[in-house]
């Protein structure tokens, strides 16, 4: 019984001292709609490249870049263009050798 009580107190202390989880990058917030139609009202671009700790030469880097652009905002809606590319790069044949990729294009 004494062991169980000590174990439950330890769990409560560990969970009570845990801080809130936070994201690494802030999430973009939508902008307010303009009062009249407008051109090029909003844009959002991103670029990241992360080195992978892998002994396999096929998996050296993880990259992700792209963006979206509001071409026209006509108050009731907007015309948006989005392009996004994710890739896993290796170093088998060249210094940066893409071996997996994911493309997204929307209009």
PDB file of N, CA and C in Angstrom:
ATOM      1  N   UNK A   1       0.821  -1.194   0.000  1.00  0.00           N
ATOM      2  CA  UNK A   1       0.000   0.000   0.000  1.00  0.00           C
ATOM      3  C   UNK A   1       0.867   1.261   0.000  1.00  0.00           C
ATOM      4  N   UNK A   2       1.943   1.239   0.760  1.00  0.00           N
ATOM      5  CA  UNK A   2       2.840   2.379   0.849  1.00  0.00           C
ATOM      6  C   UNK A   2       3.517   2.663  -0.497  1.00  0.00           C
ATOM      7  N   UNK A   3       3.879   1.606  -1.220  1.00  0.00           N
ATOM      8  CA  UNK A   3       4.520   1.745  -2.538  1.00  0.00           C
ATOM      9  C   UNK A   3       3.556   2.383  -3.531  1.00  0.00           C
ATOM     10  N   UNK A   4       2.267   1.981  -3.494  1.00  0.00           N
ATOM     11  CA  UNK A   4       1.249   2.503  -4.390  1.00  0.00           C
ATOM     12  C   UNK A   4       1.003   3.991  -4.126  1.00  0.00           C
ATOM     13  N   UNK A   5       0.967   4.377  -2.893  1.00  0.00           N
ATOM     14  CA  UNK A   5       0.759   5.780  -2.523  1.00  0.00           C
ATOM     15  C   UNK A   5       1.937   6.638  -3.009  1.00  0.00           C
ATOM     16  N   UNK A   6       3.152   6.165  -2.812  1.00  0.00           N
ATOM     17  CA  UNK A   6       4.339   6.906  -3.264  1.00  0.00           C
ATOM     18  C   UNK A   6       4.391   7.031  -4.775  1.00  0.00           C
ATOM     19  N   UNK A   7       3.965   5.971  -5.456  1.00  0.00           N
ATOM     20  CA  UNK A   7       3.959   5.983  -6.924  1.00  0.00           C
ATOM     21  C   UNK A   7       2.927   6.983  -7.448  1.00  0.00           C
ATOM     22  N   UNK A   8       1.743   7.022  -6.860  1.00  0.00           N
ATOM     23  CA  UNK A   8       0.705   7.950  -7.314  1.00  0.00           C
ATOM     24  C   UNK A   8       1.102   9.399  -7.028  1.00  0.00           C
ATOM     25  N   UNK A   9       1.768   9.659  -5.914  1.00  0.00           N
ATOM     26  CA  UNK A   9       2.243  11.014  -5.621  1.00  0.00           C
ATOM     27  C   UNK A   9       3.301  11.429  -6.643  1.00  0.00           C
ATOM     28  N   UNK A  10       4.176  10.517  -7.029  1.00  0.00           N
ATOM     29  CA  UNK A  10       5.203  10.818  -8.032  1.00  0.00           C
ATOM     30  C   UNK A  10       4.584  11.154  -9.377  1.00  0.00           C
ATOM     31  N   UNK A  11       3.571  10.395  -9.781  1.00  0.00           N
ATOM     32  CA  UNK A  11       2.892  10.657 -11.048  1.00  0.00           C
ATOM     33  C   UNK A  11       2.204  12.007 -11.014  1.00  0.00           C
ATOM     34  N   UNK A  12       1.532  12.331  -9.927  1.00  0.00           N
ATOM     35  CA  UNK A  12       0.853  13.630  -9.803  1.00  0.00           C
ATOM     36  C   UNK A  12       1.843  14.790  -9.861  1.00  0.00           C
ATOM     37  N   UNK A  13       2.990  14.655  -9.241  1.00  0.00           N
ATOM     38  CA  UNK A  13       3.998  15.708  -9.278  1.00  0.00           C
ATOM     39  C   UNK A  13       4.564  15.888 -10.682  1.00  0.00           C
ATOM     40  N   UNK A  14       4.790  14.774 -11.390  1.00  0.00           N
ATOM     41  CA  UNK A  14       5.324  14.868 -12.764  1.00  0.00           C
ATOM     42  C   UNK A  14       4.327  15.524 -13.701  1.00  0.00           C
ATOM     43  N   UNK A  15       3.069  15.133 -13.607  1.00  0.00           N
ATOM     44  CA  UNK A  15       2.053  15.702 -14.490  1.00  0.00           C
ATOM     45  C   UNK A  15       1.717  17.139 -14.112  1.00  0.00           C
ATOM     46  N   UNK A  16       1.777  17.455 -12.838  1.00  0.00           N
ATOM     47  CA  UNK A  16       1.480  18.814 -12.393  1.00  0.00           C
ATOM     48  C   UNK A  16       2.555  19.806 -12.812  1.00  0.00           C
ATOM     49  N   UNK A  17       3.788  19.358 -12.981  1.00  0.00           N
ATOM     50  CA  UNK A  17       4.883  20.243 -13.369  1.00  0.00           C
ATOM     51  C   UNK A  17       5.063  20.377 -14.866  1.00  0.00           C
ATOM     52  N   UNK A  18       4.269  19.641 -15.654  1.00  0.00           N
ATOM     53  CA  UNK A  18       4.398  19.705 -17.118  1.00  0.00           C
ATOM     54  C   UNK A  18       3.844  21.027 -17.628  1.00  0.00           C
ATOM     55  N   UNK A  19       4.561  21.655 -18.536  1.00  0.00           N
ATOM     56  CA  UNK A  19       4.119  22.916 -19.115  1.00  0.00           C
ATOM     57  C   UNK A  19       3.265  22.685 -20.348  1.00  0.00           C
ATOM     58  N   UNK A  20       2.620  23.720 -20.833  1.00  0.00           N
ATOM     59  CA  UNK A  20       1.791  23.583 -22.028  1.00  0.00           C
ATOM     60  C   UNK A  20       2.663  23.379 -23.277  1.00  0.00           C
ATOM     61  N   UNK A  21       2.153  22.615 -24.221  1.00  0.00           N
ATOM     62  CA  UNK A  21       2.871  22.384 -25.478  1.00  0.00           C
ATOM     63  C   UNK A  21       2.659  23.572 -26.403  1.00  0.00           C
ATOM     64  N   UNK A  22       3.691  23.957 -27.129  1.00  0.00           N
ATOM     65  CA  UNK A  22       3.605  25.072 -28.054  1.00  0.00           C
ATOM     66  C   UNK A  22       4.120  24.639 -29.416  1.00  0.00           C
ATOM     67  N   UNK A  23       3.558  25.192 -30.468  1.00  0.00           N
ATOM     68  CA  UNK A  23       3.993  24.883 -31.826  1.00  0.00           C
ATOM     69  C   UNK A  23       5.295  25.616 -32.124  1.00  0.00           C
ATOM     70  N   UNK A  24       6.048  25.100 -33.088  1.00  0.00           N
ATOM     71  CA  UNK A  24       7.320  25.727 -33.446  1.00  0.00           C
ATOM     72  C   UNK A  24       7.129  26.968 -34.299  1.00  0.00           C
ATOM     73  N   UNK A  25       6.115  26.963 -35.146  1.00  0.00           N
ATOM     74  CA  UNK A  25       5.874  28.106 -36.017  1.00  0.00           C
ATOM     75  C   UNK A  25       4.452  28.609 -35.774  1.00  0.00           C
ATOM     76  N   UNK A  26       4.254  29.926 -35.750  1.00  0.00           N
ATOM     77  CA  UNK A  26       2.904  30.433 -35.526  1.00  0.00           C
ATOM     78  C   UNK A  26       1.995  30.137 -36.708  1.00  0.00           C
ATOM     79  N   UNK A  27       0.735  29.891 -36.417  1.00  0.00           N
ATOM     80  CA  UNK A  27      -0.254  29.641 -37.462  1.00  0.00           C
ATOM     81  C   UNK A  27      -0.726  30.985 -37.989  1.00  0.00           C
ATOM     82  N   UNK A  28      -0.727  31.184 -39.327  1.00  0.00           N
ATOM     83  CA  UNK A  28      -1.174  32.475 -39.852  1.00  0.00           C
ATOM     84  C   UNK A  28      -2.661  32.688 -39.585  1.00  0.00           C
ATOM     85  N   UNK A  29      -3.014  33.903 -39.233  1.00  0.00           N
ATOM     86  CA  UNK A  29      -4.417  34.226 -38.994  1.00  0.00           C
ATOM     87  C   UNK A  29      -5.007  34.875 -40.240  1.00  0.00           C
ATOM     88  N   UNK A  30      -6.265  34.593 -40.540  1.00  0.00           N
ATOM     89  CA  UNK A  30      -6.878  35.194 -41.736  1.00  0.00           C
ATOM     90  C   UNK A  30      -7.028  36.697 -41.564  1.00  0.00           C
ATOM     91  N   UNK A  31      -6.846  37.409 -42.649  1.00  0.00           N
ATOM     92  CA  UNK A  31      -6.992  38.866 -42.591  1.00  0.00           C
ATOM     93  C   UNK A  31      -8.455  39.244 -42.813  1.00  0.00           C
ATOM     94  N   UNK A  32      -8.817  40.413 -42.336  1.00  0.00           N
ATOM     95  CA  UNK A  32     -10.198  40.884 -42.481  1.00  0.00           C
ATOM     96  C   UNK A  32     -10.475  41.224 -43.945  1.00  0.00           C
ATOM     97  N   UNK A  33     -11.720  41.032 -44.363  1.00  0.00           N
ATOM     98  CA  UNK A  33     -12.110  41.330 -45.747  1.00  0.00           C
ATOM     99  C   UNK A  33     -12.112  42.839 -45.967  1.00  0.00           C
ATOM    100  N   UNK A  34     -11.614  43.293 -47.122  1.00  0.00           N
ATOM    101  CA  UNK A  34     -11.621  44.730 -47.399  1.00  0.00           C
ATOM    102  C   UNK A  34     -13.043  45.230 -47.683  1.00  0.00           C
ATOM    103  N   UNK A  35     -13.236  46.538 -47.576  1.00  0.00           N
ATOM    104  CA  UNK A  35     -14.555  47.143 -47.815  1.00  0.00           C
ATOM    105  C   UNK A  35     -14.896  47.181 -49.303  1.00  0.00           C
ATOM    106  N   UNK A  36     -13.872  47.225 -50.155  1.00  0.00           N
ATOM    107  CA  UNK A  36     -14.092  47.248 -51.605  1.00  0.00           C
ATOM    108  C   UNK A  36     -13.129  46.266 -52.263  1.00  0.00           C
ATOM    109  N   UNK A  37     -13.404  45.852 -53.499  1.00  0.00           N
ATOM    110  CA  UNK A  37     -12.497  44.924 -54.180  1.00  0.00           C
ATOM    111  C   UNK A  37     -11.072  45.477 -54.246  1.00  0.00           C
ATOM    112  N   UNK A  38     -10.098  44.566 -54.096  1.00  0.00           N
ATOM    113  CA  UNK A  38      -8.699  44.993 -54.052  1.00  0.00           C
ATOM    114  C   UNK A  38      -7.832  43.947 -54.739  1.00  0.00           C
ATOM    115  N   UNK A  39      -6.605  44.327 -55.106  1.00  0.00           N
ATOM    116  CA  UNK A  39      -5.665  43.490 -55.840  1.00  0.00           C
ATOM    117  C   UNK A  39      -4.456  43.191 -54.958  1.00  0.00           C
ATOM    118  N   UNK A  40      -3.997  41.943 -54.917  1.00  0.00           N
ATOM    119  CA  UNK A  40      -2.842  41.491 -54.127  1.00  0.00           C
ATOM    120  C   UNK A  40      -2.968  41.904 -52.657  1.00  0.00           C
ATOM    121  N   UNK A  41      -3.970  41.376 -51.982  1.00  0.00           N
ATOM    122  CA  UNK A  41      -4.250  41.780 -50.606  1.00  0.00           C
ATOM    123  C   UNK A  41      -3.517  40.966 -49.548  1.00  0.00           C
ATOM    124  N   UNK A  42      -3.103  39.729 -49.870  1.00  0.00           N
ATOM    125  CA  UNK A  42      -2.498  38.872 -48.851  1.00  0.00           C
ATOM    126  C   UNK A  42      -1.516  37.910 -49.506  1.00  0.00           C
ATOM    127  N   UNK A  43      -0.444  37.595 -48.789  1.00  0.00           N
ATOM    128  CA  UNK A  43       0.499  36.575 -49.236  1.00  0.00           C
ATOM    129  C   UNK A  43       1.086  35.870 -48.028  1.00  0.00           C
ATOM    130  N   UNK A  44       1.557  34.661 -48.234  1.00  0.00           N
ATOM    131  CA  UNK A  44       2.169  33.874 -47.164  1.00  0.00           C
ATOM    132  C   UNK A  44       3.168  32.920 -47.818  1.00  0.00           C
ATOM    133  N   UNK A  45       4.455  33.027 -47.466  1.00  0.00           N
ATOM    134  CA  UNK A  45       5.492  32.172 -48.027  1.00  0.00           C
ATOM    135  C   UNK A  45       6.249  31.481 -46.905  1.00  0.00           C
ATOM    136  N   UNK A  46       6.759  30.288 -47.168  1.00  0.00           N
ATOM    137  CA  UNK A  46       7.538  29.560 -46.171  1.00  0.00           C
ATOM    138  C   UNK A  46       8.660  28.781 -46.847  1.00  0.00           C
ATOM    139  N   UNK A  47       9.723  28.565 -46.087  1.00  0.00           N
ATOM    140  CA  UNK A  47      10.891  27.824 -46.570  1.00  0.00           C
ATOM    141  C   UNK A  47      11.559  27.177 -45.368  1.00  0.00           C
ATOM    142  N   UNK A  48      11.777  25.863 -45.450  1.00  0.00           N
ATOM    143  CA  UNK A  48      12.495  25.182 -44.371  1.00  0.00           C
ATOM    144  C   UNK A  48      13.308  24.034 -44.952  1.00  0.00           C
ATOM    145  N   UNK A  49      14.442  23.780 -44.338  1.00  0.00           N
ATOM    146  CA  UNK A  49      15.303  22.645 -44.693  1.00  0.00           C
ATOM    147  C   UNK A  49      15.888  22.107 -43.399  1.00  0.00           C
ATOM    148  N   UNK A  50      15.671  20.831 -43.150  1.00  0.00           N
ATOM    149  CA  UNK A  50      16.125  20.203 -41.910  1.00  0.00           C
ATOM    150  C   UNK A  50      17.055  19.049 -42.229  1.00  0.00           C
ATOM    151  N   UNK A  51      18.220  19.020 -41.591  1.00  0.00           N
ATOM    152  CA  UNK A  51      19.139  17.890 -41.741  1.00  0.00           C
ATOM    153  C   UNK A  51      18.603  16.719 -40.922  1.00  0.00           C
ATOM    154  N   UNK A  52      18.622  15.534 -41.502  1.00  0.00           N
ATOM    155  CA  UNK A  52      18.146  14.333 -40.827  1.00  0.00           C
ATOM    156  C   UNK A  52      19.319  13.571 -40.231  1.00  0.00           C
ATOM    157  N   UNK A  53      19.173  13.097 -39.017  1.00  0.00           N
ATOM    158  CA  UNK A  53      20.218  12.324 -38.347  1.00  0.00           C
ATOM    159  C   UNK A  53      20.021  10.851 -38.697  1.00  0.00           C
ATOM    160  N   UNK A  54      20.432  10.502 -39.919  1.00  0.00           N
ATOM    161  CA  UNK A  54      20.267   9.136 -40.400  1.00  0.00           C
ATOM    162  C   UNK A  54      21.581   8.676 -41.014  1.00  0.00           C
ATOM    163  N   UNK A  55      21.923   7.441 -40.791  1.00  0.00           N
ATOM    164  CA  UNK A  55      23.131   6.896 -41.393  1.00  0.00           C
ATOM    165  C   UNK A  55      22.914   6.483 -42.846  1.00  0.00           C
ATOM    166  N   UNK A  56      21.679   6.480 -43.293  1.00  0.00           N
ATOM    167  CA  UNK A  56      21.333   6.097 -44.660  1.00  0.00           C
ATOM    168  C   UNK A  56      21.542   7.283 -45.599  1.00  0.00           C
ATOM    169  N   UNK A  57      22.322   7.112 -46.661  1.00  0.00           N
ATOM    170  CA  UNK A  57      22.612   8.206 -47.599  1.00  0.00           C
ATOM    171  C   UNK A  57      21.395   8.666 -48.389  1.00  0.00           C
ATOM    172  N   UNK A  58      20.346   7.859 -48.425  1.00  0.00           N
ATOM    173  CA  UNK A  58      19.135   8.242 -49.161  1.00  0.00           C
ATOM    174  C   UNK A  58      18.324   9.296 -48.419  1.00  0.00           C
ATOM    175  N   UNK A  59      18.532   9.438 -47.108  1.00  0.00           N
ATOM    176  CA  UNK A  59      17.726  10.344 -46.302  1.00  0.00           C
ATOM    177  C   UNK A  59      18.636  11.288 -45.516  1.00  0.00           C
ATOM    178  N   UNK A  60      19.012  12.406 -46.149  1.00  0.00           N
ATOM    179  CA  UNK A  60      19.909  13.378 -45.521  1.00  0.00           C
ATOM    180  C   UNK A  60      19.203  14.675 -45.137  1.00  0.00           C
ATOM    181  N   UNK A  61      18.259  15.105 -45.962  1.00  0.00           N
ATOM    182  CA  UNK A  61      17.582  16.387 -45.747  1.00  0.00           C
ATOM    183  C   UNK A  61      16.083  16.234 -45.954  1.00  0.00           C
ATOM    184  N   UNK A  62      15.314  17.048 -45.241  1.00  0.00           N
ATOM    185  CA  UNK A  62      13.884  17.178 -45.463  1.00  0.00           C
ATOM    186  C   UNK A  62      13.628  18.646 -45.762  1.00  0.00           C
ATOM    187  N   UNK A  63      13.026  18.939 -46.905  1.00  0.00           N
ATOM    188  CA  UNK A  63      12.775  20.326 -47.298  1.00  0.00           C
ATOM    189  C   UNK A  63      11.282  20.556 -47.497  1.00  0.00           C
ATOM    190  N   UNK A  64      10.855  21.785 -47.306  1.00  0.00           N
ATOM    191  CA  UNK A  64       9.457  22.157 -47.492  1.00  0.00           C
ATOM    192  C   UNK A  64       9.412  23.645 -47.817  1.00  0.00           C
ATOM    193  N   UNK A  65       8.912  23.989 -48.997  1.00  0.00           N
ATOM    194  CA  UNK A  65       8.787  25.401 -49.326  1.00  0.00           C
ATOM    195  C   UNK A  65       7.597  25.630 -50.236  1.00  0.00           C
ATOM    196  N   UNK A  66       7.120  26.854 -50.237  1.00  0.00           N
ATOM    197  CA  UNK A  66       5.978  27.222 -51.064  1.00  0.00           C
ATOM    198  C   UNK A  66       5.345  28.504 -50.559  1.00  0.00           C
ATOM    199  N   UNK A  67       4.125  28.744 -51.014  1.00  0.00           N
ATOM    200  CA  UNK A  67       3.417  29.937 -50.590  1.00  0.00           C
ATOM    201  C   UNK A  67       2.074  30.054 -51.263  1.00  0.00           C
ATOM    202  N   UNK A  68       1.306  31.013 -50.782  1.00  0.00           N
ATOM    203  CA  UNK A  68       0.032  31.318 -51.428  1.00  0.00           C
ATOM    204  C   UNK A  68      -0.112  32.827 -51.548  1.00  0.00           C
ATOM    205  N   UNK A  69      -0.883  33.235 -52.526  1.00  0.00           N
ATOM    206  CA  UNK A  69      -1.016  34.639 -52.886  1.00  0.00           C
ATOM    207  C   UNK A  69      -2.460  34.908 -53.277  1.00  0.00           C
ATOM    208  N   UNK A  70      -3.079  35.907 -52.648  1.00  0.00           N
ATOM    209  CA  UNK A  70      -4.421  36.333 -53.046  1.00  0.00           C
ATOM    210  C   UNK A  70      -4.277  37.319 -54.195  1.00  0.00           C
ATOM    211  N   UNK A  71      -4.701  36.909 -55.378  1.00  0.00           N
ATOM    212  CA  UNK A  71      -4.594  37.790 -56.537  1.00  0.00           C
ATOM    213  C   UNK A  71      -5.633  38.903 -56.503  1.00  0.00           C
ATOM    214  N   UNK A  72      -6.878  38.538 -56.278  1.00  0.00           N
ATOM    215  CA  UNK A  72      -7.967  39.520 -56.227  1.00  0.00           C
ATOM    216  C   UNK A  72      -8.870  39.173 -55.053  1.00  0.00           C
ATOM    217  N   UNK A  73      -9.214  40.160 -54.249  1.00  0.00           N
ATOM    218  CA  UNK A  73     -10.194  40.002 -53.185  1.00  0.00           C
ATOM    219  C   UNK A  73     -11.404  40.821 -53.574  1.00  0.00           C
ATOM    220  N   UNK A  74     -12.531  40.147 -53.857  1.00  0.00           N
ATOM    221  CA  UNK A  74     -13.724  40.837 -54.322  1.00  0.00           C
ATOM    222  C   UNK A  74     -14.817  40.873 -53.252  1.00  0.00           C
ATOM    223  N   UNK A  75     -14.438  41.052 -51.994  1.00  0.00           N
ATOM    224  CA  UNK A  75     -15.256  41.202 -50.797  1.00  0.00           C
ATOM    225  C   UNK A  75     -16.018  39.915 -50.461  1.00  0.00           C
ATOM    226  N   UNK A  76     -16.779  39.337 -51.390  1.00  0.00           N
ATOM    227  CA  UNK A  76     -17.533  38.112 -51.127  1.00  0.00           C
ATOM    228  C   UNK A  76     -16.634  36.875 -51.195  1.00  0.00           C
ATOM    229  N   UNK A  77     -15.454  36.997 -51.740  1.00  0.00           N
ATOM    230  CA  UNK A  77     -14.507  35.896 -51.878  1.00  0.00           C
ATOM    231  C   UNK A  77     -13.190  36.411 -52.420  1.00  0.00           C
ATOM    232  N   UNK A  78     -12.315  35.489 -52.792  1.00  0.00           N
ATOM    233  CA  UNK A  78     -11.025  35.911 -53.338  1.00  0.00           C
ATOM    234  C   UNK A  78     -10.484  34.845 -54.278  1.00  0.00           C
ATOM    235  N   UNK A  79      -9.633  35.276 -55.182  1.00  0.00           N
ATOM    236  CA  UNK A  79      -8.940  34.385 -56.111  1.00  0.00           C
ATOM    237  C   UNK A  79      -7.547  34.161 -55.538  1.00  0.00           C
ATOM    238  N   UNK A  80      -7.224  32.899 -55.241  1.00  0.00           N
ATOM    239  CA  UNK A  80      -5.983  32.558 -54.555  1.00  0.00           C
ATOM    240  C   UNK A  80      -5.194  31.551 -55.377  1.00  0.00           C
ATOM    241  N   UNK A  81      -3.874  31.674 -55.351  1.00  0.00           N
ATOM    242  CA  UNK A  81      -2.967  30.722 -56.002  1.00  0.00           C
ATOM    243  C   UNK A  81      -2.046  30.160 -54.925  1.00  0.00           C
ATOM    244  N   UNK A  82      -1.910  28.817 -54.889  1.00  0.00           N
ATOM    245  CA  UNK A  82      -1.087  28.160 -53.891  1.00  0.00           C
ATOM    246  C   UNK A  82      -0.142  27.183 -54.574  1.00  0.00           C
ATOM    247  N   UNK A  83       1.109  27.191 -54.164  1.00  0.00           N
ATOM    248  CA  UNK A  83       2.101  26.220 -54.643  1.00  0.00           C
ATOM    249  C   UNK A  83       2.915  25.752 -53.435  1.00  0.00           C
ATOM    250  N   UNK A  84       3.137  24.433 -53.351  1.00  0.00           N
ATOM    251  CA  UNK A  84       3.835  23.873 -52.209  1.00  0.00           C
ATOM    252  C   UNK A  84       4.652  22.670 -52.668  1.00  0.00           C
ATOM    253  N   UNK A  85       5.858  22.511 -52.120  1.00  0.00           N
ATOM    254  CA  UNK A  85       6.732  21.395 -52.485  1.00  0.00           C
ATOM    255  C   UNK A  85       7.439  20.873 -51.243  1.00  0.00           C
ATOM    256  N   UNK A  86       7.330  19.572 -51.023  1.00  0.00           N
ATOM    257  CA  UNK A  86       8.040  18.900 -49.945  1.00  0.00           C
ATOM    258  C   UNK A  86       8.918  17.826 -50.573  1.00  0.00           C
ATOM    259  N   UNK A  87      10.139  17.679 -50.072  1.00  0.00           N
ATOM    260  CA  UNK A  87      11.039  16.665 -50.633  1.00  0.00           C
ATOM    261  C   UNK A  87      11.953  16.109 -49.548  1.00  0.00           C
ATOM    262  N   UNK A  88      12.315  14.858 -49.734  1.00  0.00           N
ATOM    263  CA  UNK A  88      13.357  14.227 -48.922  1.00  0.00           C
ATOM    264  C   UNK A  88      14.567  14.084 -49.835  1.00  0.00           C
ATOM    265  N   UNK A  89      15.699  14.623 -49.406  1.00  0.00           N
ATOM    266  CA  UNK A  89      16.910  14.624 -50.223  1.00  0.00           C
ATOM    267  C   UNK A  89      17.930  13.659 -49.643  1.00  0.00           C
ATOM    268  N   UNK A  90      18.666  13.048 -50.538  1.00  0.00           N
ATOM    269  CA  UNK A  90      19.754  12.171 -50.129  1.00  0.00           C
ATOM    270  C   UNK A  90      21.061  12.681 -50.691  1.00  0.00           C
ATOM    271  N   UNK A  91      22.124  11.886 -50.561  1.00  0.00           N
ATOM    272  CA  UNK A  91      23.430  12.258 -51.122  1.00  0.00           C
ATOM    273  C   UNK A  91      24.092  11.042 -51.777  1.00  0.00           C
ATOM    274  N   UNK A  92      23.292  10.212 -52.440  1.00  0.00           N
ATOM    275  CA  UNK A  92      23.828   9.024 -53.099  1.00  0.00           C
ATOM    276  C   UNK A  92      24.634   9.380 -54.348  1.00  0.00           C
ATOM    277  N   UNK A  93      24.031  10.187 -55.238  1.00  0.00           N
ATOM    278  CA  UNK A  93      24.667  10.500 -56.515  1.00  0.00           C
ATOM    279  C   UNK A  93      25.211  11.923 -56.570  1.00  0.00           C
ATOM    280  N   UNK A  94      24.503  12.858 -55.970  1.00  0.00           N
ATOM    281  CA  UNK A  94      24.911  14.268 -55.926  1.00  0.00           C
ATOM    282  C   UNK A  94      24.829  14.745 -54.496  1.00  0.00           C
ATOM    283  N   UNK A  95      25.274  15.961 -54.260  1.00  0.00           N
ATOM    284  CA  UNK A  95      25.248  16.498 -52.892  1.00  0.00           C
ATOM    285  C   UNK A  95      23.821  16.600 -52.357  1.00  0.00           C
ATOM    286  N   UNK A  96      22.876  17.070 -53.182  1.00  0.00           N
ATOM    287  CA  UNK A  96      21.455  17.134 -52.829  1.00  0.00           C
ATOM    288  C   UNK A  96      20.685  16.387 -53.909  1.00  0.00           C
ATOM    289  N   UNK A  97      20.299  15.173 -53.610  1.00  0.00           N
ATOM    290  CA  UNK A  97      19.667  14.285 -54.571  1.00  0.00           C
ATOM    291  C   UNK A  97      18.225  13.998 -54.131  1.00  0.00           C
ATOM    292  N   UNK A  98      17.208  14.644 -54.775  1.00  0.00           N
ATOM    293  CA  UNK A  98      15.828  14.397 -54.338  1.00  0.00           C
ATOM    294  C   UNK A  98      15.386  12.977 -54.691  1.00  0.00           C
ATOM    295  N   UNK A  99      14.909  12.238 -53.688  1.00  0.00           N
ATOM    296  CA  UNK A  99      14.435  10.895 -53.973  1.00  0.00           C
ATOM    297  C   UNK A  99      12.949  10.714 -53.645  1.00  0.00           C
ATOM    298  N   UNK A 100      12.329  11.662 -52.954  1.00  0.00           N
ATOM    299  CA  UNK A 100      10.889  11.649 -52.706  1.00  0.00           C
ATOM    300  C   UNK A 100      10.409  13.083 -52.761  1.00  0.00           C
ATOM    301  N   UNK A 101       9.273  13.306 -53.416  1.00  0.00           N
ATOM    302  CA  UNK A 101       8.743  14.664 -53.501  1.00  0.00           C
ATOM    303  C   UNK A 101       7.229  14.671 -53.500  1.00  0.00           C
ATOM    304  N   UNK A 102       6.673  15.751 -52.989  1.00  0.00           N
ATOM    305  CA  UNK A 102       5.231  15.935 -52.932  1.00  0.00           C
ATOM    306  C   UNK A 102       4.924  17.347 -53.415  1.00  0.00           C
ATOM    307  N   UNK A 103       4.211  17.451 -54.534  1.00  0.00           N
ATOM    308  CA  UNK A 103       3.845  18.743 -55.107  1.00  0.00           C
ATOM    309  C   UNK A 103       2.377  19.038 -54.831  1.00  0.00           C
ATOM    310  N   UNK A 104       2.068  20.300 -54.527  1.00  0.00           N
ATOM    311  CA  UNK A 104       0.696  20.749 -54.414  1.00  0.00           C
ATOM    312  C   UNK A 104       0.577  22.062 -55.160  1.00  0.00           C
ATOM    313  N   UNK A 105      -0.385  22.125 -56.087  1.00  0.00           N
ATOM    314  CA  UNK A 105      -0.664  23.360 -56.812  1.00  0.00           C
ATOM    315  C   UNK A 105      -2.189  23.527 -56.854  1.00  0.00           C
ATOM    316  N   UNK A 106      -2.652  24.687 -56.443  1.00  0.00           N
ATOM    317  CA  UNK A 106      -4.087  24.972 -56.442  1.00  0.00           C
ATOM    318  C   UNK A 106      -4.334  26.380 -56.950  1.00  0.00           C
ATOM    319  N   UNK A 107      -5.491  26.580 -57.499  1.00  0.00           N
ATOM    320  CA  UNK A 107      -5.882  27.900 -57.956  1.00  0.00           C
ATOM    321  C   UNK A 107      -7.291  28.208 -57.557  1.00  0.00           C
TER     322      UNK A 107
END
